[in-house]
Each structure stands twice: as structure tokens, then as C-alpha cells.
N, C-alpha and C. Protein backbone atom coordinates (compact mmCIF):
# COMPACT_ATOMS: atom_id res chain seq x y z
N MET A 1 0.85 -1.18 0.00
CA MET A 1 0.00 0.00 0.00
C MET A 1 0.90 1.24 0.00
N GLU A 2 0.50 2.23 -0.74
CA GLU A 2 1.25 3.48 -0.78
C GLU A 2 0.86 4.35 0.40
N CYS A 3 1.78 5.23 0.77
CA CYS A 3 1.56 6.07 1.95
C CYS A 3 0.38 7.02 1.79
N ASN A 4 0.18 7.55 0.58
CA ASN A 4 -0.96 8.48 0.42
C ASN A 4 -2.30 7.75 0.55
N HIS A 5 -2.34 6.48 0.16
CA HIS A 5 -3.56 5.68 0.36
C HIS A 5 -3.76 5.42 1.85
N ALA A 6 -2.66 5.15 2.56
CA ALA A 6 -2.75 4.95 4.01
C ALA A 6 -3.23 6.22 4.70
N ASP A 7 -2.80 7.37 4.20
CA ASP A 7 -3.24 8.64 4.78
C ASP A 7 -4.76 8.82 4.60
N LYS A 8 -5.27 8.42 3.45
CA LYS A 8 -6.72 8.49 3.23
C LYS A 8 -7.46 7.56 4.19
N LEU A 9 -6.89 6.38 4.40
CA LEU A 9 -7.52 5.45 5.33
C LEU A 9 -7.48 5.99 6.76
N MET A 10 -6.40 6.71 7.11
CA MET A 10 -6.32 7.32 8.45
C MET A 10 -7.43 8.36 8.62
N MET A 11 -7.70 9.12 7.57
CA MET A 11 -8.77 10.12 7.65
C MET A 11 -10.13 9.43 7.83
N LYS A 12 -10.33 8.32 7.12
CA LYS A 12 -11.58 7.57 7.29
C LYS A 12 -11.68 7.02 8.72
N TYR A 13 -10.55 6.60 9.28
CA TYR A 13 -10.53 6.11 10.66
C TYR A 13 -10.93 7.22 11.62
N MET A 14 -10.38 8.40 11.42
CA MET A 14 -10.68 9.53 12.31
C MET A 14 -12.16 9.92 12.20
N ASP A 15 -12.74 9.74 10.99
CA ASP A 15 -14.16 10.05 10.80
C ASP A 15 -15.06 8.92 11.29
N GLY A 16 -14.47 7.78 11.59
CA GLY A 16 -15.26 6.65 12.09
C GLY A 16 -15.97 5.87 11.01
N ILE A 17 -15.46 5.91 9.78
CA ILE A 17 -16.13 5.21 8.67
C ILE A 17 -15.23 4.16 8.02
N LEU A 18 -14.22 3.71 8.73
CA LEU A 18 -13.28 2.73 8.20
C LEU A 18 -13.88 1.33 8.33
N THR A 19 -13.83 0.56 7.24
CA THR A 19 -14.33 -0.82 7.28
C THR A 19 -13.28 -1.72 7.93
N MET A 20 -13.69 -2.92 8.29
CA MET A 20 -12.76 -3.86 8.93
C MET A 20 -11.61 -4.22 8.00
N GLU A 21 -11.94 -4.44 6.73
CA GLU A 21 -10.90 -4.79 5.76
C GLU A 21 -9.89 -3.65 5.61
N GLU A 22 -10.41 -2.41 5.52
CA GLU A 22 -9.51 -1.26 5.41
C GLU A 22 -8.70 -1.09 6.69
N ALA A 23 -9.31 -1.38 7.85
CA ALA A 23 -8.59 -1.26 9.12
C ALA A 23 -7.43 -2.25 9.17
N GLN A 24 -7.65 -3.45 8.66
CA GLN A 24 -6.58 -4.45 8.65
C GLN A 24 -5.43 -4.00 7.73
N LYS A 25 -5.79 -3.46 6.56
CA LYS A 25 -4.77 -2.97 5.64
C LYS A 25 -3.98 -1.82 6.27
N LEU A 26 -4.70 -0.89 6.90
CA LEU A 26 -4.04 0.25 7.54
C LEU A 26 -3.15 -0.23 8.68
N ASN A 27 -3.64 -1.13 9.49
CA ASN A 27 -2.86 -1.65 10.61
C ASN A 27 -1.58 -2.31 10.10
N PHE A 28 -1.68 -3.10 9.06
CA PHE A 28 -0.50 -3.76 8.50
C PHE A 28 0.50 -2.72 7.99
N HIS A 29 -0.02 -1.67 7.32
CA HIS A 29 0.86 -0.66 6.74
C HIS A 29 1.59 0.13 7.84
N ILE A 30 0.85 0.54 8.88
CA ILE A 30 1.51 1.37 9.89
C ILE A 30 2.47 0.55 10.76
N THR A 31 2.34 -0.77 10.76
CA THR A 31 3.34 -1.57 11.46
C THR A 31 4.62 -1.66 10.65
N GLU A 32 4.52 -1.50 9.33
CA GLU A 32 5.68 -1.58 8.45
C GLU A 32 6.31 -0.22 8.16
N CYS A 33 5.52 0.85 8.14
CA CYS A 33 6.00 2.17 7.71
C CYS A 33 6.07 3.10 8.93
N GLU A 34 7.27 3.51 9.28
CA GLU A 34 7.45 4.34 10.47
C GLU A 34 6.86 5.73 10.28
N SER A 35 6.98 6.29 9.08
CA SER A 35 6.45 7.62 8.81
C SER A 35 4.92 7.65 8.98
N CYS A 36 4.26 6.66 8.45
CA CYS A 36 2.80 6.60 8.57
C CYS A 36 2.39 6.30 10.03
N ARG A 37 3.18 5.51 10.74
CA ARG A 37 2.88 5.22 12.13
C ARG A 37 2.94 6.51 12.96
N GLU A 38 3.97 7.34 12.70
CA GLU A 38 4.08 8.62 13.41
C GLU A 38 2.89 9.52 13.08
N SER A 39 2.52 9.56 11.80
CA SER A 39 1.37 10.38 11.39
C SER A 39 0.10 9.90 12.08
N PHE A 40 -0.08 8.59 12.12
CA PHE A 40 -1.29 8.02 12.73
C PHE A 40 -1.39 8.42 14.20
N PHE A 41 -0.29 8.26 14.93
CA PHE A 41 -0.33 8.58 16.36
C PHE A 41 -0.46 10.09 16.59
N THR A 42 0.07 10.90 15.69
CA THR A 42 -0.12 12.36 15.79
C THR A 42 -1.59 12.69 15.60
N TYR A 43 -2.20 12.12 14.55
CA TYR A 43 -3.64 12.34 14.34
C TYR A 43 -4.43 11.88 15.56
N GLN A 44 -4.06 10.74 16.10
CA GLN A 44 -4.78 10.18 17.24
C GLN A 44 -4.67 11.12 18.45
N MET A 45 -3.49 11.70 18.68
CA MET A 45 -3.32 12.64 19.80
C MET A 45 -4.17 13.89 19.60
N VAL A 46 -4.23 14.39 18.38
CA VAL A 46 -5.05 15.57 18.10
C VAL A 46 -6.52 15.26 18.35
N MET A 47 -6.98 14.10 17.89
CA MET A 47 -8.38 13.72 18.10
C MET A 47 -8.68 13.56 19.59
N ASP A 48 -7.75 12.99 20.35
CA ASP A 48 -7.96 12.84 21.79
C ASP A 48 -8.05 14.21 22.47
N GLU A 49 -7.19 15.13 22.06
CA GLU A 49 -7.22 16.48 22.65
C GLU A 49 -8.54 17.17 22.33
N LEU A 50 -9.02 17.00 21.10
CA LEU A 50 -10.28 17.65 20.72
C LEU A 50 -11.45 17.06 21.51
N ARG A 51 -11.42 15.76 21.78
CA ARG A 51 -12.50 15.13 22.54
C ARG A 51 -12.48 15.59 24.00
N ASP A 52 -11.29 15.84 24.55
CA ASP A 52 -11.16 16.25 25.95
C ASP A 52 -11.66 17.67 26.19
N GLU A 53 -11.56 18.51 25.19
CA GLU A 53 -12.00 19.90 25.36
C GLU A 53 -13.52 19.92 25.53
N SER A 54 -13.98 20.78 26.41
CA SER A 54 -15.42 20.91 26.60
C SER A 54 -16.01 21.61 25.39
N ALA A 55 -17.26 21.32 25.12
CA ALA A 55 -17.92 21.91 23.97
C ALA A 55 -18.01 23.42 24.15
N MET A 56 -17.61 24.12 23.12
CA MET A 56 -17.66 25.59 23.18
C MET A 56 -19.02 26.04 22.68
N LYS A 57 -19.51 27.10 23.25
CA LYS A 57 -20.79 27.63 22.84
C LYS A 57 -20.56 28.91 22.06
N ALA A 58 -21.27 29.04 20.95
CA ALA A 58 -21.13 30.23 20.13
C ALA A 58 -21.78 31.42 20.86
N PRO A 59 -21.24 32.62 20.65
CA PRO A 59 -21.84 33.79 21.30
C PRO A 59 -23.27 34.03 20.81
N ASP A 60 -24.04 34.74 21.61
CA ASP A 60 -25.42 35.05 21.24
C ASP A 60 -25.43 35.87 19.94
N GLY A 61 -26.33 35.53 19.06
CA GLY A 61 -26.50 36.26 17.80
C GLY A 61 -25.52 35.84 16.72
N PHE A 62 -24.65 34.89 16.99
CA PHE A 62 -23.64 34.45 16.02
C PHE A 62 -24.28 33.89 14.75
N GLU A 63 -25.28 33.02 14.94
CA GLU A 63 -25.93 32.38 13.80
C GLU A 63 -26.63 33.40 12.92
N SER A 64 -27.35 34.34 13.52
CA SER A 64 -28.07 35.35 12.73
C SER A 64 -27.10 36.26 11.98
N GLU A 65 -25.94 36.58 12.60
CA GLU A 65 -24.95 37.40 11.90
C GLU A 65 -24.38 36.67 10.69
N VAL A 66 -24.08 35.39 10.86
CA VAL A 66 -23.53 34.61 9.75
C VAL A 66 -24.55 34.51 8.63
N MET A 67 -25.80 34.23 8.96
CA MET A 67 -26.85 34.11 7.93
C MET A 67 -27.06 35.43 7.21
N ALA A 68 -26.98 36.54 7.93
CA ALA A 68 -27.14 37.86 7.29
C ALA A 68 -25.99 38.11 6.31
N LYS A 69 -24.78 37.73 6.70
CA LYS A 69 -23.63 37.92 5.80
C LYS A 69 -23.75 37.03 4.57
N ILE A 70 -24.28 35.84 4.74
CA ILE A 70 -24.47 34.94 3.60
C ILE A 70 -25.46 35.52 2.61
N LYS A 71 -26.53 36.14 3.12
CA LYS A 71 -27.54 36.74 2.24
C LYS A 71 -26.97 37.92 1.47
N ASP A 72 -25.98 38.62 2.04
CA ASP A 72 -25.40 39.80 1.39
C ASP A 72 -24.38 39.44 0.30
N ILE A 73 -23.98 38.19 0.25
CA ILE A 73 -22.98 37.80 -0.74
C ILE A 73 -23.61 37.81 -2.12
N GLU A 74 -22.94 38.50 -3.04
CA GLU A 74 -23.40 38.53 -4.43
C GLU A 74 -22.66 37.46 -5.21
N ILE A 75 -23.41 36.64 -5.90
CA ILE A 75 -22.81 35.57 -6.67
C ILE A 75 -22.64 36.06 -8.09
N ASP A 76 -21.41 35.97 -8.58
CA ASP A 76 -21.10 36.41 -9.94
C ASP A 76 -20.92 35.18 -10.82
N TYR A 77 -22.00 34.81 -11.48
CA TYR A 77 -21.93 33.65 -12.36
C TYR A 77 -21.31 34.07 -13.68
N LYS A 78 -20.36 33.30 -14.12
CA LYS A 78 -19.75 33.55 -15.42
C LYS A 78 -20.23 32.47 -16.37
N LEU A 79 -20.77 32.90 -17.47
CA LEU A 79 -21.23 31.94 -18.47
C LEU A 79 -20.04 31.36 -19.20
N LYS A 80 -20.15 30.10 -19.51
CA LYS A 80 -19.09 29.43 -20.26
C LYS A 80 -19.07 30.01 -21.67
N GLU A 81 -17.86 30.34 -22.11
CA GLU A 81 -17.74 30.91 -23.45
C GLU A 81 -18.04 29.84 -24.49
N PRO A 82 -18.68 30.25 -25.58
CA PRO A 82 -18.98 29.26 -26.61
C PRO A 82 -17.69 28.72 -27.23
N MET A 83 -17.80 27.52 -27.76
CA MET A 83 -16.63 26.88 -28.35
C MET A 83 -16.25 27.62 -29.64
N PRO A 84 -14.97 27.99 -29.76
CA PRO A 84 -14.54 28.68 -30.97
C PRO A 84 -14.69 27.79 -32.20
N ILE A 85 -14.88 28.42 -33.33
CA ILE A 85 -15.08 27.69 -34.58
C ILE A 85 -13.86 26.85 -34.93
N GLU A 86 -12.66 27.28 -34.49
CA GLU A 86 -11.45 26.51 -34.78
C GLU A 86 -11.52 25.14 -34.13
N ASN A 87 -12.06 25.07 -32.90
CA ASN A 87 -12.18 23.77 -32.23
C ASN A 87 -13.17 22.88 -32.95
N ILE A 88 -14.28 23.46 -33.38
CA ILE A 88 -15.29 22.67 -34.10
C ILE A 88 -14.70 22.17 -35.41
N SER A 89 -13.99 23.05 -36.11
CA SER A 89 -13.36 22.66 -37.37
C SER A 89 -12.34 21.55 -37.14
N ALA A 90 -11.53 21.67 -36.10
CA ALA A 90 -10.54 20.64 -35.81
C ALA A 90 -11.21 19.32 -35.48
N MET A 91 -12.30 19.36 -34.71
CA MET A 91 -13.00 18.13 -34.38
C MET A 91 -13.58 17.48 -35.64
N LEU A 92 -14.17 18.30 -36.52
CA LEU A 92 -14.74 17.74 -37.74
C LEU A 92 -13.66 17.12 -38.63
N TRP A 93 -12.52 17.80 -38.75
CA TRP A 93 -11.43 17.24 -39.55
C TRP A 93 -10.89 15.97 -38.92
N GLY A 94 -10.81 15.95 -37.59
CA GLY A 94 -10.35 14.75 -36.90
C GLY A 94 -11.28 13.58 -37.14
N VAL A 95 -12.59 13.83 -37.01
CA VAL A 95 -13.58 12.77 -37.24
C VAL A 95 -13.54 12.31 -38.69
N PHE A 96 -13.45 13.27 -39.61
CA PHE A 96 -13.37 12.92 -41.03
C PHE A 96 -12.14 12.07 -41.31
N SER A 97 -10.99 12.48 -40.77
CA SER A 97 -9.74 11.73 -40.98
C SER A 97 -9.86 10.32 -40.42
N LEU A 98 -10.43 10.22 -39.24
CA LEU A 98 -10.59 8.92 -38.60
C LEU A 98 -11.52 8.03 -39.43
N LEU A 99 -12.67 8.56 -39.83
CA LEU A 99 -13.62 7.76 -40.63
C LEU A 99 -13.04 7.40 -41.99
N PHE A 100 -12.31 8.34 -42.59
CA PHE A 100 -11.70 8.06 -43.88
C PHE A 100 -10.67 6.95 -43.75
N GLY A 101 -9.85 7.03 -42.70
CA GLY A 101 -8.84 5.99 -42.47
C GLY A 101 -9.48 4.64 -42.22
N ILE A 102 -10.54 4.61 -41.42
CA ILE A 102 -11.24 3.35 -41.16
C ILE A 102 -11.84 2.82 -42.45
N GLY A 103 -12.41 3.72 -43.26
CA GLY A 103 -12.99 3.30 -44.53
C GLY A 103 -11.96 2.69 -45.46
N VAL A 104 -10.79 3.33 -45.51
CA VAL A 104 -9.72 2.79 -46.37
C VAL A 104 -9.29 1.41 -45.87
N LEU A 105 -9.11 1.29 -44.57
CA LEU A 105 -8.72 -0.01 -44.01
C LEU A 105 -9.78 -1.07 -44.26
N LEU A 106 -11.05 -0.70 -44.13
CA LEU A 106 -12.12 -1.66 -44.38
C LEU A 106 -12.18 -2.07 -45.85
N CYS A 107 -11.89 -1.14 -46.74
CA CYS A 107 -11.87 -1.49 -48.16
C CYS A 107 -10.73 -2.43 -48.48
N ILE A 108 -9.59 -2.20 -47.86
CA ILE A 108 -8.42 -3.03 -48.15
C ILE A 108 -8.56 -4.40 -47.50
N TYR A 109 -9.00 -4.43 -46.25
CA TYR A 109 -9.05 -5.67 -45.49
C TYR A 109 -10.48 -6.11 -45.21
N ASN A 110 -11.38 -5.97 -46.18
CA ASN A 110 -12.79 -6.26 -45.93
C ASN A 110 -13.08 -7.74 -45.67
N GLN A 111 -12.38 -8.64 -46.34
CA GLN A 111 -12.67 -10.06 -46.14
C GLN A 111 -12.28 -10.55 -44.75
N PRO A 112 -11.09 -10.25 -44.24
CA PRO A 112 -10.77 -10.68 -42.87
C PRO A 112 -11.69 -10.05 -41.82
N VAL A 113 -12.05 -8.78 -42.03
CA VAL A 113 -12.94 -8.11 -41.08
C VAL A 113 -14.32 -8.77 -41.12
N LEU A 114 -14.82 -9.03 -42.32
CA LEU A 114 -16.13 -9.66 -42.45
C LEU A 114 -16.13 -11.07 -41.85
N LYS A 115 -15.05 -11.81 -42.05
CA LYS A 115 -14.94 -13.15 -41.47
C LYS A 115 -14.97 -13.06 -39.94
N PHE A 116 -14.23 -12.10 -39.39
CA PHE A 116 -14.21 -11.92 -37.93
C PHE A 116 -15.60 -11.57 -37.40
N LEU A 117 -16.30 -10.66 -38.09
CA LEU A 117 -17.64 -10.26 -37.65
C LEU A 117 -18.63 -11.41 -37.73
N LEU A 118 -18.50 -12.25 -38.76
CA LEU A 118 -19.41 -13.39 -38.90
C LEU A 118 -19.14 -14.47 -37.84
N GLU A 119 -17.92 -14.58 -37.37
CA GLU A 119 -17.60 -15.58 -36.34
C GLU A 119 -17.99 -15.12 -34.94
N ASN A 120 -18.15 -13.81 -34.74
CA ASN A 120 -18.49 -13.26 -33.43
C ASN A 120 -20.01 -13.38 -33.24
N PRO A 121 -20.47 -14.01 -32.15
CA PRO A 121 -21.93 -14.20 -31.96
C PRO A 121 -22.68 -12.88 -31.77
N TYR A 122 -22.01 -11.85 -31.29
CA TYR A 122 -22.69 -10.58 -31.05
C TYR A 122 -22.88 -9.77 -32.33
N THR A 123 -22.02 -9.97 -33.31
CA THR A 123 -22.11 -9.17 -34.54
C THR A 123 -22.53 -10.01 -35.75
N LYS A 124 -22.80 -11.29 -35.54
CA LYS A 124 -23.10 -12.18 -36.66
C LYS A 124 -24.32 -11.71 -37.46
N ASP A 125 -25.43 -11.40 -36.77
CA ASP A 125 -26.65 -10.98 -37.47
C ASP A 125 -26.44 -9.69 -38.25
N TRP A 126 -25.76 -8.75 -37.60
CA TRP A 126 -25.50 -7.47 -38.26
C TRP A 126 -24.61 -7.67 -39.48
N ALA A 127 -23.58 -8.50 -39.34
CA ALA A 127 -22.64 -8.74 -40.45
C ALA A 127 -23.35 -9.43 -41.62
N GLN A 128 -24.25 -10.37 -41.31
CA GLN A 128 -24.99 -11.04 -42.39
C GLN A 128 -25.88 -10.05 -43.13
N ALA A 129 -26.42 -9.09 -42.42
CA ALA A 129 -27.25 -8.08 -43.08
C ALA A 129 -26.39 -7.15 -43.94
N MET A 130 -25.09 -7.01 -43.60
CA MET A 130 -24.21 -6.11 -44.33
C MET A 130 -23.56 -6.77 -45.55
N ILE A 131 -23.69 -8.09 -45.68
CA ILE A 131 -23.03 -8.80 -46.78
C ILE A 131 -23.45 -8.26 -48.15
N PRO A 132 -24.75 -8.03 -48.43
CA PRO A 132 -25.10 -7.48 -49.75
C PRO A 132 -24.43 -6.12 -50.01
N THR A 133 -24.36 -5.31 -48.99
CA THR A 133 -23.71 -4.01 -49.15
C THR A 133 -22.22 -4.18 -49.41
N MET A 134 -21.60 -5.11 -48.69
CA MET A 134 -20.17 -5.37 -48.88
C MET A 134 -19.91 -5.92 -50.28
N ASP A 135 -20.81 -6.81 -50.76
CA ASP A 135 -20.64 -7.35 -52.10
C ASP A 135 -20.74 -6.26 -53.15
N LEU A 136 -21.70 -5.36 -52.98
CA LEU A 136 -21.84 -4.24 -53.91
C LEU A 136 -20.61 -3.34 -53.86
N LEU A 137 -20.12 -3.08 -52.66
CA LEU A 137 -18.92 -2.27 -52.49
C LEU A 137 -17.73 -2.96 -53.14
N ASN A 138 -17.64 -4.27 -52.99
CA ASN A 138 -16.55 -5.03 -53.62
C ASN A 138 -16.62 -4.93 -55.14
N GLU A 139 -17.84 -4.98 -55.68
CA GLU A 139 -18.00 -4.83 -57.14
C GLU A 139 -17.50 -3.47 -57.59
N TYR A 140 -17.87 -2.43 -56.88
CA TYR A 140 -17.42 -1.08 -57.24
C TYR A 140 -15.90 -0.97 -57.15
N ILE A 141 -15.34 -1.54 -56.09
CA ILE A 141 -13.89 -1.48 -55.91
C ILE A 141 -13.19 -2.28 -57.00
N ASN A 142 -13.74 -3.44 -57.32
CA ASN A 142 -13.15 -4.25 -58.39
C ASN A 142 -13.24 -3.55 -59.73
N ASP A 143 -14.35 -2.85 -60.00
CA ASP A 143 -14.46 -2.06 -61.23
C ASP A 143 -13.40 -0.98 -61.28
N ILE A 144 -13.20 -0.32 -60.18
CA ILE A 144 -12.19 0.74 -60.12
C ILE A 144 -10.80 0.14 -60.33
N LYS A 145 -10.55 -1.01 -59.69
CA LYS A 145 -9.26 -1.68 -59.87
C LYS A 145 -9.03 -2.04 -61.34
N THR A 146 -10.05 -2.60 -61.96
CA THR A 146 -9.93 -3.01 -63.36
C THR A 146 -9.64 -1.82 -64.26
N LYS A 147 -10.36 -0.73 -64.04
CA LYS A 147 -10.13 0.47 -64.86
C LYS A 147 -8.75 1.06 -64.63
N LEU A 148 -8.29 1.01 -63.38
CA LEU A 148 -6.94 1.49 -63.09
C LEU A 148 -5.90 0.60 -63.75
N GLN A 149 -6.14 -0.72 -63.74
CA GLN A 149 -5.19 -1.64 -64.37
C GLN A 149 -5.17 -1.46 -65.88
N GLU A 150 -6.31 -1.15 -66.44
CA GLU A 150 -6.34 -0.87 -67.87
C GLU A 150 -5.62 0.43 -68.19
N PHE A 151 -5.76 1.39 -67.30
CA PHE A 151 -5.17 2.71 -67.53
C PHE A 151 -3.65 2.66 -67.39
N VAL A 152 -3.19 1.95 -66.42
CA VAL A 152 -1.74 1.84 -66.19
C VAL A 152 -1.32 0.43 -66.55
N SER A 153 -0.28 0.32 -67.33
CA SER A 153 0.13 -1.02 -67.79
C SER A 153 0.55 -1.92 -66.63
N ASP A 154 1.16 -1.37 -65.64
CA ASP A 154 1.57 -2.16 -64.49
C ASP A 154 0.70 -1.80 -63.29
N GLY A 155 -0.59 -1.82 -63.47
CA GLY A 155 -1.54 -1.35 -62.46
C GLY A 155 -1.55 -2.13 -61.17
N GLY A 156 -1.40 -3.44 -61.22
CA GLY A 156 -1.45 -4.26 -60.01
C GLY A 156 -0.34 -3.90 -59.04
N GLN A 157 0.85 -3.70 -59.59
CA GLN A 157 1.97 -3.37 -58.73
C GLN A 157 1.82 -1.96 -58.16
N ILE A 158 1.34 -1.03 -58.96
CA ILE A 158 1.15 0.34 -58.48
C ILE A 158 0.08 0.38 -57.41
N PHE A 159 -1.01 -0.38 -57.59
CA PHE A 159 -2.08 -0.38 -56.59
C PHE A 159 -1.58 -0.92 -55.25
N THR A 160 -0.73 -1.94 -55.29
CA THR A 160 -0.16 -2.49 -54.05
C THR A 160 0.73 -1.45 -53.38
N VAL A 161 1.51 -0.74 -54.16
CA VAL A 161 2.38 0.30 -53.60
C VAL A 161 1.53 1.43 -53.01
N VAL A 162 0.47 1.80 -53.73
CA VAL A 162 -0.41 2.86 -53.22
C VAL A 162 -1.04 2.43 -51.90
N LYS A 163 -1.47 1.17 -51.80
CA LYS A 163 -2.02 0.68 -50.53
C LYS A 163 -0.99 0.75 -49.42
N MET A 164 0.22 0.35 -49.73
CA MET A 164 1.27 0.34 -48.71
C MET A 164 1.63 1.76 -48.27
N ILE A 165 1.48 2.73 -49.15
CA ILE A 165 1.81 4.11 -48.82
C ILE A 165 0.61 4.83 -48.20
N ALA A 166 -0.58 4.59 -48.73
CA ALA A 166 -1.76 5.34 -48.30
C ALA A 166 -2.12 5.09 -46.84
N VAL A 167 -2.07 3.86 -46.41
CA VAL A 167 -2.48 3.54 -45.03
C VAL A 167 -1.58 4.23 -44.01
N PRO A 168 -0.25 4.12 -44.09
CA PRO A 168 0.57 4.83 -43.10
C PRO A 168 0.45 6.35 -43.20
N VAL A 169 0.35 6.88 -44.43
CA VAL A 169 0.24 8.33 -44.59
C VAL A 169 -1.05 8.83 -43.95
N LEU A 170 -2.16 8.15 -44.21
CA LEU A 170 -3.42 8.57 -43.61
C LEU A 170 -3.40 8.43 -42.09
N THR A 171 -2.76 7.39 -41.60
CA THR A 171 -2.65 7.21 -40.15
C THR A 171 -1.83 8.32 -39.53
N VAL A 172 -0.71 8.67 -40.16
CA VAL A 172 0.15 9.75 -39.64
C VAL A 172 -0.60 11.08 -39.70
N LEU A 173 -1.29 11.35 -40.80
CA LEU A 173 -2.04 12.61 -40.92
C LEU A 173 -3.12 12.72 -39.86
N ALA A 174 -3.84 11.63 -39.61
CA ALA A 174 -4.88 11.64 -38.58
C ALA A 174 -4.25 11.85 -37.20
N SER A 175 -3.12 11.23 -36.95
CA SER A 175 -2.45 11.40 -35.65
C SER A 175 -1.97 12.83 -35.46
N ILE A 176 -1.40 13.41 -36.51
CA ILE A 176 -0.93 14.80 -36.42
C ILE A 176 -2.09 15.73 -36.17
N LYS A 177 -3.18 15.55 -36.87
CA LYS A 177 -4.35 16.41 -36.70
C LYS A 177 -4.89 16.27 -35.28
N TYR A 178 -4.95 15.07 -34.76
CA TYR A 178 -5.42 14.86 -33.39
C TYR A 178 -4.47 15.52 -32.39
N TYR A 179 -3.15 15.39 -32.60
CA TYR A 179 -2.16 16.00 -31.71
C TYR A 179 -2.32 17.52 -31.70
N ILE A 180 -2.48 18.12 -32.88
CA ILE A 180 -2.66 19.57 -32.97
C ILE A 180 -3.93 19.99 -32.24
N TYR A 181 -4.99 19.25 -32.44
CA TYR A 181 -6.25 19.57 -31.77
C TYR A 181 -6.10 19.48 -30.26
N ARG A 182 -5.47 18.40 -29.75
CA ARG A 182 -5.30 18.23 -28.31
C ARG A 182 -4.41 19.33 -27.73
N LYS A 183 -3.37 19.72 -28.47
CA LYS A 183 -2.45 20.76 -28.00
C LYS A 183 -3.18 22.08 -27.88
N LYS A 184 -4.01 22.41 -28.87
CA LYS A 184 -4.79 23.65 -28.81
C LYS A 184 -5.78 23.60 -27.68
N LYS A 185 -6.40 22.44 -27.47
CA LYS A 185 -7.40 22.31 -26.42
C LYS A 185 -6.77 22.48 -25.04
N VAL A 186 -5.57 21.93 -24.84
CA VAL A 186 -4.91 22.02 -23.55
C VAL A 186 -4.47 23.45 -23.27
N GLU A 187 -4.04 24.19 -24.31
CA GLU A 187 -3.56 25.55 -24.12
C GLU A 187 -4.70 26.51 -23.80
N ILE A 188 -5.92 26.19 -24.19
CA ILE A 188 -7.05 27.10 -23.99
C ILE A 188 -7.42 27.19 -22.58
């Protein structure tokens, strides 16, 4: 147990709300840690002194004076400033980058992802409902691949290189955008 946790348990002990399990942990810790043992006995001496003192009585009119002063206090509520448009723009770009990156990854690795979703009992029904959409998306992607291969003589190799470059670049761009957004948010 760390000393600051033991200190919290000592406060609970002084308040009389320490459980038996916590008392055992505290007892074990203060037998091992001399600093906490000294703190515990110091707290205990203070509590004993406070109990020995006779109850003090407040002067006449004390309560009414305090209540009158409380009523005179003016509360100055400050409204929270609206979020600047830069933060909203950064959040939208971050969300767009994230969704775009996920979309690219799903297009590239759609079969393993679909297989995983179909094997999971919690997502099986949803994944089966998405199969027609995935098949249509695959047809569109295959059409695009075919047209790119026709356009470029060595299209298959270029597409593989583009995949290998696009995924890390998009990941780095999304990370940089998120870092910039977090840095601005922390400085505000």
C-alpha cells in the first residue's frame, strides 16, 4: 500500500467510517511504515485532545450574523464561453480523418474483417445483413481496380504500392491532426 492511500484510510478512521478490511490494511501498513505510524499517532493525539475539550458555545446572535452575511454575498456567475469555430473545425477534420482511415482499411481488409464479424456471436446478425452491401462495395472497388489496371500497364503493382503508402500516410495525418487539436485544447 502506498503512503498516500494509508493517509486516506487514516482520515476515514478519524471520521469513524473505516471498514474492517480497510482497518486491517491500515494496521498492516503502519506496522511496516514508520512515517505513517508517526502520522497516525499524531492524528490520534489531536483527536484525543479535541475530545477532551469541553464543547464551546457560540456567542449570542452568532448564527443570525452569519446568515445575514451569507444573504449579502453577491454571486457572480460567469457563463461558459462558446466553443470557438477553430475547435469545431478541428474536431470535424479529426472525425473525417478517422472515418476516412477506417474506410480505407475496411476497403483493403474487408474479407478478414467480415470473417471476424461473422464468427463473433454478437455481430453475426448485423454482419450477415451487411453482406449485400459489402458485395456491392466489392464490385465497385473491383471495377475501379480493373479500370486502373487498364489505364496503367503495371496497375497491379502500383495499386499495391499505393495501398502500402496510403495507409501509413493517412494514419500519420490523422495522428498529427489529433495532436494539434489536443495541443490547442490544452492551451485554452
